[in-house]
PDB file of N, CA and C in Angstrom:
ATOM      1  N   MET A   1     -35.018   4.807 -14.426  1.00  0.00           N
ATOM      2  CA  MET A   1     -36.307   5.111 -13.840  1.00  0.00           C
ATOM      3  C   MET A   1     -36.088   5.599 -12.403  1.00  0.00           C
ATOM      4  N   GLN A   2     -36.781   6.637 -12.002  1.00  0.00           N
ATOM      5  CA  GLN A   2     -36.618   7.209 -10.681  1.00  0.00           C
ATOM      6  C   GLN A   2     -37.487   6.478  -9.653  1.00  0.00           C
ATOM      7  N   THR A   3     -36.883   6.217  -8.495  1.00  0.00           N
ATOM      8  CA  THR A   3     -37.631   5.626  -7.394  1.00  0.00           C
ATOM      9  C   THR A   3     -37.715   6.634  -6.246  1.00  0.00           C
ATOM     10  N   HIS A   4     -38.643   6.365  -5.326  1.00  0.00           N
ATOM     11  CA  HIS A   4     -38.895   7.273  -4.205  1.00  0.00           C
ATOM     12  C   HIS A   4     -38.889   6.474  -2.907  1.00  0.00           C
ATOM     13  N   PRO A   5     -38.322   7.027  -1.824  1.00  0.00           N
ATOM     14  CA  PRO A   5     -38.264   6.288  -0.558  1.00  0.00           C
ATOM     15  C   PRO A   5     -39.656   6.087   0.042  1.00  0.00           C
ATOM     16  N   ALA A   6     -39.845   4.927   0.641  1.00  0.00           N
ATOM     17  CA  ALA A   6     -41.101   4.594   1.310  1.00  0.00           C
ATOM     18  C   ALA A   6     -40.783   3.650   2.466  1.00  0.00           C
ATOM     19  N   LYS A   7     -41.789   3.330   3.246  1.00  0.00           N
ATOM     20  CA  LYS A   7     -41.671   2.372   4.343  1.00  0.00           C
ATOM     21  C   LYS A   7     -42.630   1.213   4.085  1.00  0.00           C
ATOM     22  N   ARG A   8     -42.144   0.013   4.316  1.00  0.00           N
ATOM     23  CA  ARG A   8     -42.980  -1.187   4.224  1.00  0.00           C
ATOM     24  C   ARG A   8     -43.214  -1.660   5.651  1.00  0.00           C
ATOM     25  N   VAL A   9     -44.471  -1.756   6.035  1.00  0.00           N
ATOM     26  CA  VAL A   9     -44.834  -2.196   7.377  1.00  0.00           C
ATOM     27  C   VAL A   9     -45.593  -3.514   7.248  1.00  0.00           C
ATOM     28  N   GLU A  10     -45.099  -4.522   7.938  1.00  0.00           N
ATOM     29  CA  GLU A  10     -45.737  -5.835   7.941  1.00  0.00           C
ATOM     30  C   GLU A  10     -46.233  -6.110   9.355  1.00  0.00           C
ATOM     31  N   ILE A  11     -47.519  -6.347   9.482  1.00  0.00           N
ATOM     32  CA  ILE A  11     -48.127  -6.597  10.788  1.00  0.00           C
ATOM     33  C   ILE A  11     -48.713  -8.005  10.752  1.00  0.00           C
ATOM     34  N   THR A  12     -48.120  -8.895  11.519  1.00  0.00           N
ATOM     35  CA  THR A  12     -48.611 -10.267  11.606  1.00  0.00           C
ATOM     36  C   THR A  12     -49.418 -10.376  12.886  1.00  0.00           C
ATOM     37  N   ILE A  13     -50.673 -10.812  12.744  1.00  0.00           N
ATOM     38  CA  ILE A  13     -51.605 -10.804  13.877  1.00  0.00           C
ATOM     39  C   ILE A  13     -52.582 -11.969  13.740  1.00  0.00           C
ATOM     40  N   GLU A  14     -53.216 -12.320  14.841  1.00  0.00           N
ATOM     41  CA  GLU A  14     -54.237 -13.368  14.826  1.00  0.00           C
ATOM     42  C   GLU A  14     -55.371 -12.954  13.893  1.00  0.00           C
ATOM     43  N   ALA A  15     -55.835 -13.886  13.077  1.00  0.00           N
ATOM     44  CA  ALA A  15     -56.861 -13.586  12.080  1.00  0.00           C
ATOM     45  C   ALA A  15     -58.118 -12.920  12.654  1.00  0.00           C
ATOM     46  N   PRO A  16     -58.599 -13.307  13.851  1.00  0.00           N
ATOM     47  CA  PRO A  16     -59.788 -12.638  14.378  1.00  0.00           C
ATOM     48  C   PRO A  16     -59.590 -11.135  14.625  1.00  0.00           C
ATOM     49  N   MET A  17     -58.348 -10.677  14.713  1.00  0.00           N
ATOM     50  CA  MET A  17     -58.060  -9.260  14.963  1.00  0.00           C
ATOM     51  C   MET A  17     -57.909  -8.454  13.658  1.00  0.00           C
ATOM     52  N   GLN A  18     -58.013  -9.123  12.515  1.00  0.00           N
ATOM     53  CA  GLN A  18     -57.801  -8.471  11.222  1.00  0.00           C
ATOM     54  C   GLN A  18     -58.716  -7.269  11.019  1.00  0.00           C
ATOM     55  N   ARG A  19     -59.985  -7.436  11.233  1.00  0.00           N
ATOM     56  CA  ARG A  19     -60.937  -6.336  11.008  1.00  0.00           C
ATOM     57  C   ARG A  19     -60.630  -5.167  11.946  1.00  0.00           C
ATOM     58  N   ARG A  20     -60.359  -5.466  13.197  1.00  0.00           N
ATOM     59  CA  ARG A  20     -60.051  -4.407  14.165  1.00  0.00           C
ATOM     60  C   ARG A  20     -58.800  -3.632  13.744  1.00  0.00           C
ATOM     61  N   LEU A  21     -57.777  -4.355  13.290  1.00  0.00           N
ATOM     62  CA  LEU A  21     -56.551  -3.710  12.836  1.00  0.00           C
ATOM     63  C   LEU A  21     -56.812  -2.848  11.606  1.00  0.00           C
ATOM     64  N   CYS A  22     -57.518  -3.377  10.639  1.00  0.00           N
ATOM     65  CA  CYS A  22     -57.801  -2.617   9.414  1.00  0.00           C
ATOM     66  C   CYS A  22     -58.663  -1.389   9.704  1.00  0.00           C
ATOM     67  N   ASP A  23     -59.620  -1.511  10.612  1.00  0.00           N
ATOM     68  CA  ASP A  23     -60.424  -0.351  11.009  1.00  0.00           C
ATOM     69  C   ASP A  23     -59.542   0.726  11.651  1.00  0.00           C
ATOM     70  N   ALA A  24     -58.611   0.300  12.525  1.00  0.00           N
ATOM     71  CA  ALA A  24     -57.702   1.248  13.181  1.00  0.00           C
ATOM     72  C   ALA A  24     -56.800   1.939  12.158  1.00  0.00           C
ATOM     73  N   LEU A  25     -56.327   1.189  11.172  1.00  0.00           N
ATOM     74  CA  LEU A  25     -55.484   1.778  10.131  1.00  0.00           C
ATOM     75  C   LEU A  25     -56.267   2.811   9.335  1.00  0.00           C
ATOM     76  N   GLN A  26     -57.491   2.473   8.964  1.00  0.00           N
ATOM     77  CA  GLN A  26     -58.299   3.421   8.189  1.00  0.00           C
ATOM     78  C   GLN A  26     -58.611   4.675   9.001  1.00  0.00           C
ATOM     79  N   GLU A  27     -58.870   4.527  10.288  1.00  0.00           N
ATOM     80  CA  GLU A  27     -59.108   5.699  11.136  1.00  0.00           C
ATOM     81  C   GLU A  27     -57.874   6.593  11.203  1.00  0.00           C
ATOM     82  N   ALA A  28     -56.688   5.988  11.036  1.00  0.00           N
ATOM     83  CA  ALA A  28     -55.432   6.744  11.050  1.00  0.00           C
ATOM     84  C   ALA A  28     -55.087   7.297   9.663  1.00  0.00           C
ATOM     85  N   GLY A  29     -55.986   7.087   8.690  1.00  0.00           N
ATOM     86  CA  GLY A  29     -55.761   7.611   7.347  1.00  0.00           C
ATOM     87  C   GLY A  29     -54.985   6.691   6.424  1.00  0.00           C
ATOM     88  N   ILE A  30     -54.761   5.458   6.845  1.00  0.00           N
ATOM     89  CA  ILE A  30     -54.045   4.474   6.020  1.00  0.00           C
ATOM     90  C   ILE A  30     -55.095   3.660   5.271  1.00  0.00           C
ATOM     91  N   THR A  31     -55.216   3.878   3.979  1.00  0.00           N
ATOM     92  CA  THR A  31     -56.269   3.214   3.213  1.00  0.00           C
ATOM     93  C   THR A  31     -55.749   2.112   2.294  1.00  0.00           C
ATOM     94  N   GLY A  32     -54.442   2.022   2.138  1.00  0.00           N
ATOM     95  CA  GLY A  32     -53.878   1.007   1.256  1.00  0.00           C
ATOM     96  C   GLY A  32     -53.146  -0.062   2.036  1.00  0.00           C
ATOM     97  N   TYR A  33     -53.555  -1.312   1.856  1.00  0.00           N
ATOM     98  CA  TYR A  33     -52.879  -2.428   2.505  1.00  0.00           C
ATOM     99  C   TYR A  33     -53.243  -3.713   1.773  1.00  0.00           C
ATOM    100  N   THR A  34     -52.450  -4.738   2.019  1.00  0.00           N
ATOM    101  CA  THR A  34     -52.689  -6.064   1.458  1.00  0.00           C
ATOM    102  C   THR A  34     -52.727  -7.051   2.608  1.00  0.00           C
ATOM    103  N   ILE A  35     -53.670  -7.984   2.567  1.00  0.00           N
ATOM    104  CA  ILE A  35     -53.790  -8.996   3.616  1.00  0.00           C
ATOM    105  C   ILE A  35     -53.404 -10.348   3.033  1.00  0.00           C
ATOM    106  N   VAL A  36     -52.473 -11.015   3.725  1.00  0.00           N
ATOM    107  CA  VAL A  36     -51.943 -12.295   3.270  1.00  0.00           C
ATOM    108  C   VAL A  36     -52.147 -13.332   4.371  1.00  0.00           C
ATOM    109  N   PRO A  37     -52.678 -14.509   4.041  1.00  0.00           N
ATOM    110  CA  PRO A  37     -52.799 -15.542   5.082  1.00  0.00           C
ATOM    111  C   PRO A  37     -51.414 -16.071   5.459  1.00  0.00           C
ATOM    112  N   VAL A  38     -51.231 -16.391   6.736  1.00  0.00           N
ATOM    113  CA  VAL A  38     -49.977 -16.950   7.221  1.00  0.00           C
ATOM    114  C   VAL A  38     -50.233 -18.413   7.565  1.00  0.00           C
ATOM    115  N   LYS A  39     -49.484 -19.325   6.958  1.00  0.00           N
ATOM    116  CA  LYS A  39     -49.703 -20.753   7.164  1.00  0.00           C
ATOM    117  C   LYS A  39     -49.049 -21.295   8.422  1.00  0.00           C
ATOM    118  N   GLY A  40     -47.937 -20.711   8.819  1.00  0.00           N
ATOM    119  CA  GLY A  40     -47.237 -21.201   9.994  1.00  0.00           C
ATOM    120  C   GLY A  40     -45.923 -20.472  10.162  1.00  0.00           C
ATOM    121  N   GLY A  41     -45.162 -20.901  11.169  1.00  0.00           N
ATOM    122  CA  GLY A  41     -43.874 -20.279  11.409  1.00  0.00           C
ATOM    123  C   GLY A  41     -43.250 -20.818  12.679  1.00  0.00           C
ATOM    124  N   SER A  42     -42.309 -20.047  13.191  1.00  0.00           N
ATOM    125  CA  SER A  42     -41.639 -20.415  14.420  1.00  0.00           C
ATOM    126  C   SER A  42     -41.318 -19.145  15.181  1.00  0.00           C
ATOM    127  N   GLY A  43     -41.503 -19.158  16.488  1.00  0.00           N
ATOM    128  CA  GLY A  43     -41.260 -17.982  17.312  1.00  0.00           C
ATOM    129  C   GLY A  43     -40.750 -18.374  18.682  1.00  0.00           C
ATOM    130  N   ARG A  44     -40.942 -17.498  19.651  1.00  0.00           N
ATOM    131  CA  ARG A  44     -40.470 -17.755  21.013  1.00  0.00           C
ATOM    132  C   ARG A  44     -40.991 -19.064  21.586  1.00  0.00           C
ATOM    133  N   SER A  45     -42.210 -19.417  21.229  1.00  0.00           N
ATOM    134  CA  SER A  45     -42.822 -20.631  21.766  1.00  0.00           C
ATOM    135  C   SER A  45     -42.577 -21.858  20.901  1.00  0.00           C
ATOM    136  N   GLY A  46     -41.770 -21.714  19.857  1.00  0.00           N
ATOM    137  CA  GLY A  46     -41.489 -22.838  18.970  1.00  0.00           C
ATOM    138  C   GLY A  46     -42.319 -22.781  17.698  1.00  0.00           C
ATOM    139  N   ARG A  47     -42.347 -23.879  16.996  1.00  0.00           N
ATOM    140  CA  ARG A  47     -43.076 -23.966  15.724  1.00  0.00           C
ATOM    141  C   ARG A  47     -44.582 -23.962  15.954  1.00  0.00           C
ATOM    142  N   TRP A  48     -45.286 -23.424  14.952  1.00  0.00           N
ATOM    143  CA  TRP A  48     -46.738 -23.425  14.994  1.00  0.00           C
ATOM    144  C   TRP A  48     -47.272 -23.475  13.566  1.00  0.00           C
ATOM    145  N   ASP A  49     -48.523 -23.888  13.428  1.00  0.00           N
ATOM    146  CA  ASP A  49     -49.204 -23.833  12.136  1.00  0.00           C
ATOM    147  C   ASP A  49     -50.686 -23.627  12.385  1.00  0.00           C
ATOM    148  N   ARG A  50     -51.445 -23.499  11.312  1.00  0.00           N
ATOM    149  CA  ARG A  50     -52.877 -23.210  11.446  1.00  0.00           C
ATOM    150  C   ARG A  50     -53.614 -24.263  12.280  1.00  0.00           C
ATOM    151  N   ALA A  51     -53.161 -25.506  12.215  1.00  0.00           N
ATOM    152  CA  ALA A  51     -53.838 -26.576  12.939  1.00  0.00           C
ATOM    153  C   ALA A  51     -53.322 -26.725  14.368  1.00  0.00           C
ATOM    154  N   GLY A  52     -52.285 -25.967  14.729  1.00  0.00           N
ATOM    155  CA  GLY A  52     -51.655 -26.152  16.028  1.00  0.00           C
ATOM    156  C   GLY A  52     -51.941 -25.050  17.020  1.00  0.00           C
ATOM    157  N   GLN A  53     -50.901 -24.454  17.535  1.00  0.00           N
ATOM    158  CA  GLN A  53     -50.972 -23.554  18.670  1.00  0.00           C
ATOM    159  C   GLN A  53     -51.799 -22.301  18.453  1.00  0.00           C
ATOM    160  N   VAL A  54     -51.919 -21.826  17.245  1.00  0.00           N
ATOM    161  CA  VAL A  54     -52.615 -20.563  17.000  1.00  0.00           C
ATOM    162  C   VAL A  54     -54.126 -20.756  16.991  1.00  0.00           C
ATOM    163  N   GLY A  55     -54.573 -21.946  16.711  1.00  0.00           N
ATOM    164  CA  GLY A  55     -56.011 -22.189  16.684  1.00  0.00           C
ATOM    165  C   GLY A  55     -56.547 -22.268  15.265  1.00  0.00           C
ATOM    166  N   GLN A  56     -57.819 -22.487  15.153  1.00  0.00           N
ATOM    167  CA  GLN A  56     -58.449 -22.709  13.861  1.00  0.00           C
ATOM    168  C   GLN A  56     -58.375 -21.508  12.926  1.00  0.00           C
ATOM    169  N   SER A  57     -58.456 -20.320  13.473  1.00  0.00           N
ATOM    170  CA  SER A  57     -58.524 -19.141  12.614  1.00  0.00           C
ATOM    171  C   SER A  57     -57.172 -18.702  12.078  1.00  0.00           C
ATOM    172  N   GLY A  58     -56.082 -19.086  12.719  1.00  0.00           N
ATOM    173  CA  GLY A  58     -54.748 -18.812  12.219  1.00  0.00           C
ATOM    174  C   GLY A  58     -54.310 -17.361  12.344  1.00  0.00           C
ATOM    175  N   MET A  59     -53.357 -17.010  11.511  1.00  0.00           N
ATOM    176  CA  MET A  59     -52.739 -15.694  11.512  1.00  0.00           C
ATOM    177  C   MET A  59     -52.850 -15.083  10.123  1.00  0.00           C
ATOM    178  N   VAL A  60     -52.768 -13.755  10.058  1.00  0.00           N
ATOM    179  CA  VAL A  60     -52.711 -13.034   8.793  1.00  0.00           C
ATOM    180  C   VAL A  60     -51.589 -12.008   8.883  1.00  0.00           C
ATOM    181  N   GLN A  61     -51.146 -11.561   7.732  1.00  0.00           N
ATOM    182  CA  GLN A  61     -50.165 -10.483   7.684  1.00  0.00           C
ATOM    183  C   GLN A  61     -50.773  -9.343   6.873  1.00  0.00           C
ATOM    184  N   VAL A  62     -50.796  -8.159   7.482  1.00  0.00           N
ATOM    185  CA  VAL A  62     -51.283  -6.953   6.816  1.00  0.00           C
ATOM    186  C   VAL A  62     -50.044  -6.164   6.413  1.00  0.00           C
ATOM    187  N   VAL A  63     -49.902  -5.922   5.111  1.00  0.00           N
ATOM    188  CA  VAL A  63     -48.726  -5.245   4.569  1.00  0.00           C
ATOM    189  C   VAL A  63     -49.140  -3.875   4.044  1.00  0.00           C
ATOM    190  N   CYS A  64     -48.440  -2.835   4.502  1.00  0.00           N
ATOM    191  CA  CYS A  64     -48.700  -1.464   4.067  1.00  0.00           C
ATOM    192  C   CYS A  64     -47.403  -0.871   3.513  1.00  0.00           C
ATOM    193  N   ILE A  65     -47.504  -0.127   2.444  1.00  0.00           N
ATOM    194  CA  ILE A  65     -46.377   0.657   1.951  1.00  0.00           C
ATOM    195  C   ILE A  65     -46.823   2.109   1.985  1.00  0.00           C
ATOM    196  N   ILE A  66     -46.069   2.924   2.724  1.00  0.00           N
ATOM    197  CA  ILE A  66     -46.480   4.309   2.957  1.00  0.00           C
ATOM    198  C   ILE A  66     -45.297   5.259   2.828  1.00  0.00           C
ATOM    199  N   ARG A  67     -45.609   6.533   2.756  1.00  0.00           N
ATOM    200  CA  ARG A  67     -44.566   7.560   2.789  1.00  0.00           C
ATOM    201  C   ARG A  67     -43.960   7.598   4.190  1.00  0.00           C
ATOM    202  N   PRO A  68     -42.665   7.870   4.293  1.00  0.00           N
ATOM    203  CA  PRO A  68     -42.003   7.867   5.602  1.00  0.00           C
ATOM    204  C   PRO A  68     -42.658   8.787   6.629  1.00  0.00           C
ATOM    205  N   GLU A  69     -43.174   9.928   6.216  1.00  0.00           N
ATOM    206  CA  GLU A  69     -43.772  10.867   7.175  1.00  0.00           C
ATOM    207  C   GLU A  69     -45.088  10.362   7.772  1.00  0.00           C
ATOM    208  N   ARG A  70     -45.658   9.302   7.223  1.00  0.00           N
ATOM    209  CA  ARG A  70     -46.908   8.744   7.750  1.00  0.00           C
ATOM    210  C   ARG A  70     -46.678   7.564   8.692  1.00  0.00           C
ATOM    211  N   LEU A  71     -45.417   7.194   8.881  1.00  0.00           N
ATOM    212  CA  LEU A  71     -45.088   5.997   9.654  1.00  0.00           C
ATOM    213  C   LEU A  71     -45.566   6.067  11.105  1.00  0.00           C
ATOM    214  N   ASP A  72     -45.315   7.163  11.797  1.00  0.00           N
ATOM    215  CA  ASP A  72     -45.682   7.248  13.216  1.00  0.00           C
ATOM    216  C   ASP A  72     -47.171   7.033  13.447  1.00  0.00           C
ATOM    217  N   GLY A  73     -48.010   7.629  12.627  1.00  0.00           N
ATOM    218  CA  GLY A  73     -49.456   7.451  12.767  1.00  0.00           C
ATOM    219  C   GLY A  73     -49.878   6.010  12.560  1.00  0.00           C
ATOM    220  N   LEU A  74     -49.264   5.344  11.571  1.00  0.00           N
ATOM    221  CA  LEU A  74     -49.575   3.942  11.314  1.00  0.00           C
ATOM    222  C   LEU A  74     -49.145   3.082  12.502  1.00  0.00           C
ATOM    223  N   LEU A  75     -47.944   3.307  13.015  1.00  0.00           N
ATOM    224  CA  LEU A  75     -47.453   2.497  14.128  1.00  0.00           C
ATOM    225  C   LEU A  75     -48.290   2.682  15.379  1.00  0.00           C
ATOM    226  N   GLU A  76     -48.729   3.896  15.663  1.00  0.00           N
ATOM    227  CA  GLU A  76     -49.587   4.131  16.830  1.00  0.00           C
ATOM    228  C   GLU A  76     -50.898   3.370  16.693  1.00  0.00           C
ATOM    229  N   ALA A  77     -51.498   3.411  15.507  1.00  0.00           N
ATOM    230  CA  ALA A  77     -52.760   2.708  15.276  1.00  0.00           C
ATOM    231  C   ALA A  77     -52.571   1.199  15.387  1.00  0.00           C
ATOM    232  N   ALA A  78     -51.495   0.687  14.807  1.00  0.00           N
ATOM    233  CA  ALA A  78     -51.234  -0.753  14.851  1.00  0.00           C
ATOM    234  C   ALA A  78     -50.947  -1.213  16.268  1.00  0.00           C
ATOM    235  N   PHE A  79     -50.132  -0.455  17.000  1.00  0.00           N
ATOM    236  CA  PHE A  79     -49.763  -0.867  18.350  1.00  0.00           C
ATOM    237  C   PHE A  79     -50.966  -0.901  19.274  1.00  0.00           C
ATOM    238  N   ALA A  80     -51.902  -0.015  19.074  1.00  0.00           N
ATOM    239  CA  ALA A  80     -53.109  -0.002  19.909  1.00  0.00           C
ATOM    240  C   ALA A  80     -53.868  -1.319  19.805  1.00  0.00           C
ATOM    241  N   VAL A  81     -53.762  -1.999  18.664  1.00  0.00           N
ATOM    242  CA  VAL A  81     -54.438  -3.288  18.464  1.00  0.00           C
ATOM    243  C   VAL A  81     -53.519  -4.439  18.854  1.00  0.00           C
ATOM    244  N   VAL A  82     -52.264  -4.376  18.458  1.00  0.00           N
ATOM    245  CA  VAL A  82     -51.337  -5.494  18.624  1.00  0.00           C
ATOM    246  C   VAL A  82     -50.861  -5.667  20.069  1.00  0.00           C
ATOM    247  N   GLU A  83     -50.793  -4.605  20.839  1.00  0.00           N
ATOM    248  CA  GLU A  83     -50.160  -4.676  22.165  1.00  0.00           C
ATOM    249  C   GLU A  83     -50.750  -5.727  23.088  1.00  0.00           C
ATOM    250  N   ARG A  84     -52.032  -6.033  22.958  1.00  0.00           N
ATOM    251  CA  ARG A  84     -52.669  -6.995  23.860  1.00  0.00           C
ATOM    252  C   ARG A  84     -52.866  -8.375  23.235  1.00  0.00           C
ATOM    253  N   HIS A  85     -52.302  -8.607  22.066  1.00  0.00           N
ATOM    254  CA  HIS A  85     -52.531  -9.864  21.349  1.00  0.00           C
ATOM    255  C   HIS A  85     -51.218 -10.391  20.779  1.00  0.00           C
ATOM    256  N   ILE A  86     -51.272 -11.619  20.282  1.00  0.00           N
ATOM    257  CA  ILE A  86     -50.122 -12.160  19.569  1.00  0.00           C
ATOM    258  C   ILE A  86     -49.941 -11.324  18.312  1.00  0.00           C
ATOM    259  N   GLY A  87     -48.729 -10.857  18.064  1.00  0.00           N
ATOM    260  CA  GLY A  87     -48.505 -10.079  16.859  1.00  0.00           C
ATOM    261  C   GLY A  87     -47.091  -9.551  16.775  1.00  0.00           C
ATOM    262  N   VAL A  88     -46.673  -9.297  15.552  1.00  0.00           N
ATOM    263  CA  VAL A  88     -45.350  -8.766  15.273  1.00  0.00           C
ATOM    264  C   VAL A  88     -45.505  -7.625  14.268  1.00  0.00           C
ATOM    265  N   VAL A  89     -44.801  -6.520  14.525  1.00  0.00           N
ATOM    266  CA  VAL A  89     -44.801  -5.390  13.598  1.00  0.00           C
ATOM    267  C   VAL A  89     -43.365  -5.199  13.116  1.00  0.00           C
ATOM    268  N   CYS A  90     -43.180  -5.172  11.812  1.00  0.00           N
ATOM    269  CA  CYS A  90     -41.850  -5.032  11.219  1.00  0.00           C
ATOM    270  C   CYS A  90     -41.871  -3.857  10.245  1.00  0.00           C
ATOM    271  N   VAL A  91     -40.845  -3.001  10.314  1.00  0.00           N
ATOM    272  CA  VAL A  91     -40.741  -1.839   9.433  1.00  0.00           C
ATOM    273  C   VAL A  91     -39.433  -1.933   8.660  1.00  0.00           C
ATOM    274  N   THR A  92     -39.514  -1.795   7.346  1.00  0.00           N
ATOM    275  CA  THR A  92     -38.308  -1.786   6.512  1.00  0.00           C
ATOM    276  C   THR A  92     -38.385  -0.632   5.519  1.00  0.00           C
ATOM    277  N   ASP A  93     -37.216  -0.194   5.071  1.00  0.00           N
ATOM    278  CA  ASP A  93     -37.142   0.816   4.023  1.00  0.00           C
ATOM    279  C   ASP A  93     -37.374   0.138   2.681  1.00  0.00           C
ATOM    280  N   CYS A  94     -38.045   0.834   1.777  1.00  0.00           N
ATOM    281  CA  CYS A  94     -38.228   0.324   0.423  1.00  0.00           C
ATOM    282  C   CYS A  94     -38.260   1.500  -0.547  1.00  0.00           C
ATOM    283  N   GLU A  95     -38.334   1.220  -1.806  1.00  0.00           N
ATOM    284  CA  GLU A  95     -38.406   2.219  -2.863  1.00  0.00           C
ATOM    285  C   GLU A  95     -39.639   1.922  -3.707  1.00  0.00           C
ATOM    286  N   VAL A  96     -40.333   2.963  -4.128  1.00  0.00           N
ATOM    287  CA  VAL A  96     -41.511   2.789  -4.996  1.00  0.00           C
ATOM    288  C   VAL A  96     -41.319   3.593  -6.276  1.00  0.00           C
ATOM    289  N   LEU A  97     -42.001   3.175  -7.322  1.00  0.00           N
ATOM    290  CA  LEU A  97     -41.898   3.862  -8.600  1.00  0.00           C
ATOM    291  C   LEU A  97     -42.869   5.029  -8.726  1.00  0.00           C
ATOM    292  N   ARG A  98     -44.064   4.880  -8.203  1.00  0.00           N
ATOM    293  CA  ARG A  98     -45.085   5.923  -8.356  1.00  0.00           C
ATOM    294  C   ARG A  98     -45.439   6.476  -6.989  1.00  0.00           C
ATOM    295  N   ALA A  99     -44.693   7.445  -6.527  1.00  0.00           N
ATOM    296  CA  ALA A  99     -44.857   7.993  -5.180  1.00  0.00           C
ATOM    297  C   ALA A  99     -46.250   8.562  -4.944  1.00  0.00           C
ATOM    298  N   GLU A 100     -46.905   9.051  -5.974  1.00  0.00           N
ATOM    299  CA  GLU A 100     -48.228   9.659  -5.796  1.00  0.00           C
ATOM    300  C   GLU A 100     -49.278   8.648  -5.346  1.00  0.00           C
ATOM    301  N   ARG A 101     -48.985   7.373  -5.451  1.00  0.00           N
ATOM    302  CA  ARG A 101     -49.931   6.334  -5.025  1.00  0.00           C
ATOM    303  C   ARG A 101     -49.863   6.048  -3.531  1.00  0.00           C
ATOM    304  N   PHE A 102     -48.886   6.620  -2.859  1.00  0.00           N
ATOM    305  CA  PHE A 102     -48.680   6.309  -1.452  1.00  0.00           C
ATOM    306  C   PHE A 102     -48.815   7.557  -0.623  1.00  0.00           C
TER     307      PHE A 102
END
């Protein structure tokens, strides 16, 4: 079966910023994403969870899989939201089966 190169972008951000991030992505032409709740983790400030340092609303992860040529537009839109808030943006290479969906 043939696969096609793509980029997987994971944006972990404070839950209250989810709508703003998704609106920015859609304005940049990114219409496909998955939102996953984040229960906890560990970072520069140490361990955290939903009941601790992050606050009641917690964190979410927005996952996008896109064609490589669309990456710059997605990153610009994401950075405009993430730069002033707690958040991490991660980009990895991946392969997809149905390239026409991305």
